[in-house]
Amino acid sequence: MGEQLNRHLVALRAGLPQAFGQTGAGVVEMAEREKNNGGHLVYGEWLRRQNRRIDARAELRVAEEMFAAMGADGFADRARRELMATGESARKRSVDTGDDLTPQELQVARLAQEGLSNNEIGEQLFISPRTVQYHLRKVFAKLGIRSRGELAHVLPGGASRLEPSA
């Protein structure tokens, strides 16, 4: 989670003097301070305003998912609105979809079931090991399990609960 944001911030900072000026520098500093408390949202909003919609979508998806998982509905709605402004339609989670695994969670769960470590999963999916841990925690809660070993019992037979949400 923070690793990817750090890479974006480093790349962004490298081009700030010529491309973005002081306004960009202020956004980068704010996002760095807030990267664990909504930095994905702030950075995604700024990227969208810079017409970098594809980059913004990646950050805003992470922000929406994090805030929804924390129950911070106001911030999750804000991320959804920003996602829609990029041209993507973000679905609101309902009681019916709350237990479904997202595509990312399903991918992480399958790789964990194959015996890969968090580092190995992160390398394959280009996410940090901490983000892998975050997704696995959500998978375990949704499936009512406590360990990776239980994934083998739940993944093959429980396809209906494991279908990625649309």
C-alpha atoms as a PDB file:
ATOM      1  CA  MET A   1       0.000   0.000   0.000  1.00  0.00           C
ATOM      2  CA  GLY A   2       2.486   2.673   1.111  1.00  0.00           C
ATOM      3  CA  GLU A   3       5.268   1.278  -1.062  1.00  0.00           C
ATOM      4  CA  GLN A   4       3.400   1.927  -4.304  1.00  0.00           C
ATOM      5  CA  LEU A   5       2.380   5.397  -3.133  1.00  0.00           C
ATOM      6  CA  ASN A   6       6.012   6.119  -2.238  1.00  0.00           C
ATOM      7  CA  ARG A   7       7.115   5.113  -5.754  1.00  0.00           C
ATOM      8  CA  HIS A   8       4.530   7.416  -7.285  1.00  0.00           C
ATOM      9  CA  LEU A   9       5.566  10.260  -5.006  1.00  0.00           C
ATOM     10  CA  VAL A  10       9.262   9.821  -5.806  1.00  0.00           C
ATOM     11  CA  ALA A  11       8.527   9.787  -9.532  1.00  0.00           C
ATOM     12  CA  LEU A  12       6.240  12.769  -9.193  1.00  0.00           C
ATOM     13  CA  ARG A  13       8.747  14.733  -7.129  1.00  0.00           C
ATOM     14  CA  ALA A  14      11.467  14.128  -9.744  1.00  0.00           C
ATOM     15  CA  GLY A  15       9.401  16.070 -12.296  1.00  0.00           C
ATOM     16  CA  LEU A  16       7.946  18.712 -10.002  1.00  0.00           C
ATOM     17  CA  PRO A  17      10.183  21.697 -10.707  1.00  0.00           C
ATOM     18  CA  GLN A  18       9.443  21.706 -14.428  1.00  0.00           C
ATOM     19  CA  ALA A  19       6.062  20.061 -14.680  1.00  0.00           C
ATOM     20  CA  PHE A  20       3.994  20.863 -11.617  1.00  0.00           C
ATOM     21  CA  GLY A  21       5.405  23.864  -9.792  1.00  0.00           C
ATOM     22  CA  GLN A  22       4.673  24.721  -6.187  1.00  0.00           C
ATOM     23  CA  THR A  23       1.078  23.453  -6.217  1.00  0.00           C
ATOM     24  CA  GLY A  24       2.246  19.945  -7.094  1.00  0.00           C
ATOM     25  CA  ALA A  25       4.887  20.054  -4.376  1.00  0.00           C
ATOM     26  CA  GLY A  26       2.248  20.933  -1.774  1.00  0.00           C
ATOM     27  CA  VAL A  27       0.069  18.009  -2.829  1.00  0.00           C
ATOM     28  CA  VAL A  28       3.015  15.617  -2.676  1.00  0.00           C
ATOM     29  CA  GLU A  29       3.954  16.784   0.827  1.00  0.00           C
ATOM     30  CA  MET A  30       0.373  16.428   2.023  1.00  0.00           C
ATOM     31  CA  ALA A  31       0.056  12.947   0.488  1.00  0.00           C
ATOM     32  CA  GLU A  32       3.331  11.878   2.109  1.00  0.00           C
ATOM     33  CA  ARG A  33       2.105  13.020   5.531  1.00  0.00           C
ATOM     34  CA  GLU A  34      -1.256  11.353   5.078  1.00  0.00           C
ATOM     35  CA  LYS A  35      -0.326   8.186   3.162  1.00  0.00           C
ATOM     36  CA  ASN A  36      -1.460   5.951   6.032  1.00  0.00           C
ATOM     37  CA  ASN A  37      -4.588   8.017   6.709  1.00  0.00           C
ATOM     38  CA  GLY A  38      -6.115   8.583   3.320  1.00  0.00           C
ATOM     39  CA  GLY A  39      -3.107   9.509   1.214  1.00  0.00           C
ATOM     40  CA  HIS A  40      -4.393   7.291  -1.575  1.00  0.00           C
ATOM     41  CA  LEU A  41      -7.544   9.410  -1.688  1.00  0.00           C
ATOM     42  CA  VAL A  42      -5.725  12.746  -1.653  1.00  0.00           C
ATOM     43  CA  TYR A  43      -3.167  11.602  -4.195  1.00  0.00           C
ATOM     44  CA  GLY A  44      -5.860  10.051  -6.412  1.00  0.00           C
ATOM     45  CA  GLU A  45      -7.889  13.254  -6.339  1.00  0.00           C
ATOM     46  CA  TRP A  46      -4.844  15.266  -7.315  1.00  0.00           C
ATOM     47  CA  LEU A  47      -3.918  12.856 -10.121  1.00  0.00           C
ATOM     48  CA  ARG A  48      -7.427  13.136 -11.540  1.00  0.00           C
ATOM     49  CA  ARG A  49      -7.216  16.906 -11.510  1.00  0.00           C
ATOM     50  CA  GLN A  50      -3.944  16.602 -13.408  1.00  0.00           C
ATOM     51  CA  ASN A  51      -5.825  14.574 -16.079  1.00  0.00           C
ATOM     52  CA  ARG A  52      -3.948  11.401 -15.126  1.00  0.00           C
ATOM     53  CA  ARG A  53      -7.147   9.405 -14.871  1.00  0.00           C
ATOM     54  CA  ILE A  54      -5.686   5.904 -15.171  1.00  0.00           C
ATOM     55  CA  ASP A  55      -3.135   6.577 -12.418  1.00  0.00           C
ATOM     56  CA  ALA A  56      -5.864   8.205 -10.327  1.00  0.00           C
ATOM     57  CA  ARG A  57      -8.133   5.169 -10.650  1.00  0.00           C
ATOM     58  CA  ALA A  58      -5.537   2.854  -9.117  1.00  0.00           C
ATOM     59  CA  GLU A  59      -5.113   5.100  -6.068  1.00  0.00           C
ATOM     60  CA  LEU A  60      -8.828   5.785  -5.720  1.00  0.00           C
ATOM     61  CA  ARG A  61      -9.728   2.076  -5.881  1.00  0.00           C
ATOM     62  CA  VAL A  62      -7.334   1.363  -3.003  1.00  0.00           C
ATOM     63  CA  ALA A  63      -8.746   4.316  -1.042  1.00  0.00           C
ATOM     64  CA  GLU A  64     -12.356   3.230  -1.607  1.00  0.00           C
ATOM     65  CA  GLU A  65     -11.603  -0.339  -0.570  1.00  0.00           C
ATOM     66  CA  MET A  66      -9.677   0.709   2.546  1.00  0.00           C
ATOM     67  CA  PHE A  67     -12.321   3.168   3.728  1.00  0.00           C
ATOM     68  CA  ALA A  68     -15.176   0.740   3.013  1.00  0.00           C
ATOM     69  CA  ALA A  69     -13.378  -1.961   5.023  1.00  0.00           C
ATOM     70  CA  MET A  70     -12.888   0.460   7.927  1.00  0.00           C
ATOM     71  CA  GLY A  71     -16.528   1.523   7.814  1.00  0.00           C
ATOM     72  CA  ALA A  72     -15.599   5.121   6.945  1.00  0.00           C
ATOM     73  CA  ASP A  73     -18.570   5.527   4.612  1.00  0.00           C
ATOM     74  CA  GLY A  74     -18.121   9.260   4.023  1.00  0.00           C
ATOM     75  CA  PHE A  75     -14.576   8.824   2.758  1.00  0.00           C
ATOM     76  CA  ALA A  76     -15.511   5.701   0.786  1.00  0.00           C
ATOM     77  CA  ASP A  77     -18.285   7.706  -0.916  1.00  0.00           C
ATOM     78  CA  ARG A  78     -15.828  10.502  -1.664  1.00  0.00           C
ATOM     79  CA  ALA A  79     -13.457   7.980  -3.298  1.00  0.00           C
ATOM     80  CA  ARG A  80     -16.382   6.529  -5.309  1.00  0.00           C
ATOM     81  CA  ARG A  81     -17.369   9.997  -6.533  1.00  0.00           C
ATOM     82  CA  GLU A  82     -13.794  10.642  -7.607  1.00  0.00           C
ATOM     83  CA  LEU A  83     -13.674   7.259  -9.361  1.00  0.00           C
ATOM     84  CA  MET A  84     -16.842   8.107 -11.266  1.00  0.00           C
ATOM     85  CA  ALA A  85     -15.304  11.442 -12.248  1.00  0.00           C
ATOM     86  CA  THR A  86     -12.448   9.514 -13.882  1.00  0.00           C
ATOM     87  CA  GLY A  87     -14.997   7.690 -16.024  1.00  0.00           C
ATOM     88  CA  GLU A  88     -15.108   4.507 -13.968  1.00  0.00           C
ATOM     89  CA  SER A  89     -18.291   3.306 -12.361  1.00  0.00           C
ATOM     90  CA  ALA A  90     -17.733   2.295  -8.758  1.00  0.00           C
ATOM     91  CA  ARG A  91     -20.320   0.068  -7.154  1.00  0.00           C
ATOM     92  CA  LYS A  92     -21.536   0.712  -3.669  1.00  0.00           C
ATOM     93  CA  ARG A  93     -21.175  -2.308  -1.421  1.00  0.00           C
ATOM     94  CA  SER A  94     -24.433  -3.686  -0.178  1.00  0.00           C
ATOM     95  CA  VAL A  95     -25.329  -6.365   2.325  1.00  0.00           C
ATOM     96  CA  ASP A  96     -25.627  -8.805  -0.612  1.00  0.00           C
ATOM     97  CA  THR A  97     -22.105  -8.140  -1.903  1.00  0.00           C
ATOM     98  CA  GLY A  98     -20.365  -7.631   1.440  1.00  0.00           C
ATOM     99  CA  ASP A  99     -19.242 -11.265   1.729  1.00  0.00           C
ATOM    100  CA  ASP A 100     -18.116 -11.639  -1.888  1.00  0.00           C
ATOM    101  CA  LEU A 101     -14.396 -11.556  -2.506  1.00  0.00           C
ATOM    102  CA  THR A 102     -13.147  -8.772  -4.734  1.00  0.00           C
ATOM    103  CA  PRO A 103     -11.049  -9.827  -7.740  1.00  0.00           C
ATOM    104  CA  GLN A 104      -7.889  -8.743  -5.903  1.00  0.00           C
ATOM    105  CA  GLU A 105      -8.828 -10.701  -2.773  1.00  0.00           C
ATOM    106  CA  LEU A 106      -9.579 -13.788  -4.843  1.00  0.00           C
ATOM    107  CA  GLN A 107      -6.243 -13.535  -6.640  1.00  0.00           C
ATOM    108  CA  VAL A 108      -4.334 -13.110  -3.366  1.00  0.00           C
ATOM    109  CA  ALA A 109      -6.237 -16.020  -1.766  1.00  0.00           C
ATOM    110  CA  ARG A 110      -5.466 -18.366  -4.654  1.00  0.00           C
ATOM    111  CA  LEU A 111      -1.760 -17.504  -4.577  1.00  0.00           C
ATOM    112  CA  ALA A 112      -1.675 -17.975  -0.791  1.00  0.00           C
ATOM    113  CA  GLN A 113      -3.395 -21.333  -1.229  1.00  0.00           C
ATOM    114  CA  GLU A 114      -0.588 -22.343  -3.602  1.00  0.00           C
ATOM    115  CA  GLY A 115       1.853 -21.777  -0.752  1.00  0.00           C
ATOM    116  CA  LEU A 116       3.390 -18.462  -1.802  1.00  0.00           C
ATOM    117  CA  SER A 117       4.619 -16.097   0.908  1.00  0.00           C
ATOM    118  CA  ASN A 118       3.323 -12.532   1.236  1.00  0.00           C
ATOM    119  CA  ASN A 119       6.533 -11.289  -0.393  1.00  0.00           C
ATOM    120  CA  GLU A 120       6.139 -13.670  -3.338  1.00  0.00           C
ATOM    121  CA  ILE A 121       2.479 -12.771  -3.792  1.00  0.00           C
ATOM    122  CA  GLY A 122       3.360  -9.091  -3.652  1.00  0.00           C
ATOM    123  CA  GLU A 123       6.043  -9.511  -6.298  1.00  0.00           C
ATOM    124  CA  GLN A 124       3.639 -11.295  -8.645  1.00  0.00           C
ATOM    125  CA  LEU A 125       0.829  -8.764  -8.202  1.00  0.00           C
ATOM    126  CA  PHE A 126       3.045  -5.662  -7.900  1.00  0.00           C
ATOM    127  CA  ILE A 127       1.733  -4.810  -4.442  1.00  0.00           C
ATOM    128  CA  SER A 128       3.483  -4.590  -1.104  1.00  0.00           C
ATOM    129  CA  PRO A 129       3.583  -7.528   1.343  1.00  0.00           C
ATOM    130  CA  ARG A 130       1.588  -5.352   3.732  1.00  0.00           C
ATOM    131  CA  THR A 131      -1.175  -4.974   1.126  1.00  0.00           C
ATOM    132  CA  VAL A 132      -1.142  -8.760   0.685  1.00  0.00           C
ATOM    133  CA  GLN A 133      -1.582  -9.121   4.447  1.00  0.00           C
ATOM    134  CA  TYR A 134      -4.465  -6.628   4.346  1.00  0.00           C
ATOM    135  CA  HIS A 135      -6.249  -8.592   1.603  1.00  0.00           C
ATOM    136  CA  LEU A 136      -5.685 -11.930   3.362  1.00  0.00           C
ATOM    137  CA  ARG A 137      -7.125 -10.515   6.589  1.00  0.00           C
ATOM    138  CA  LYS A 138     -10.267  -9.509   4.669  1.00  0.00           C
ATOM    139  CA  VAL A 139     -10.434 -12.910   2.922  1.00  0.00           C
ATOM    140  CA  PHE A 140     -10.164 -14.756   6.240  1.00  0.00           C
ATOM    141  CA  ALA A 141     -12.932 -12.620   7.767  1.00  0.00           C
ATOM    142  CA  LYS A 142     -15.249 -13.033   4.783  1.00  0.00           C
ATOM    143  CA  LEU A 143     -14.718 -16.792   4.591  1.00  0.00           C
ATOM    144  CA  GLY A 144     -14.760 -17.341   8.356  1.00  0.00           C
ATOM    145  CA  ILE A 145     -11.321 -18.949   8.476  1.00  0.00           C
ATOM    146  CA  ARG A 146      -8.220 -18.288  10.554  1.00  0.00           C
ATOM    147  CA  SER A 147      -5.256 -19.572   8.549  1.00  0.00           C
ATOM    148  CA  ARG A 148      -3.844 -20.148   5.081  1.00  0.00           C
ATOM    149  CA  GLY A 149      -4.184 -23.888   5.603  1.00  0.00           C
ATOM    150  CA  GLU A 150      -7.944 -23.521   5.712  1.00  0.00           C
ATOM    151  CA  LEU A 151      -7.957 -21.887   2.261  1.00  0.00           C
ATOM    152  CA  ALA A 152      -7.525 -25.317   0.667  1.00  0.00           C
ATOM    153  CA  HIS A 153     -10.783 -26.457   2.256  1.00  0.00           C
ATOM    154  CA  VAL A 154     -12.735 -23.336   1.364  1.00  0.00           C
ATOM    155  CA  LEU A 155     -11.510 -22.242  -2.064  1.00  0.00           C
ATOM    156  CA  PRO A 156     -12.270 -25.248  -4.287  1.00  0.00           C
ATOM    157  CA  GLY A 157     -15.740 -26.092  -2.916  1.00  0.00           C
ATOM    158  CA  GLY A 158     -17.080 -22.637  -2.064  1.00  0.00           C
ATOM    159  CA  ALA A 159     -17.094 -21.137  -5.547  1.00  0.00           C
ATOM    160  CA  SER A 160     -20.360 -19.228  -5.056  1.00  0.00           C
ATOM    161  CA  ARG A 161     -18.908 -17.081  -2.264  1.00  0.00           C
ATOM    162  CA  LEU A 162     -15.627 -16.677  -4.067  1.00  0.00           C
ATOM    163  CA  GLU A 163     -16.839 -15.243  -7.336  1.00  0.00           C
ATOM    164  CA  PRO A 164     -15.336 -11.778  -7.742  1.00  0.00           C
ATOM    165  CA  SER A 165     -17.742  -8.912  -7.250  1.00  0.00           C
ATOM    166  CA  ALA A 166     -18.677  -6.969 -10.347  1.00  0.00           C
END
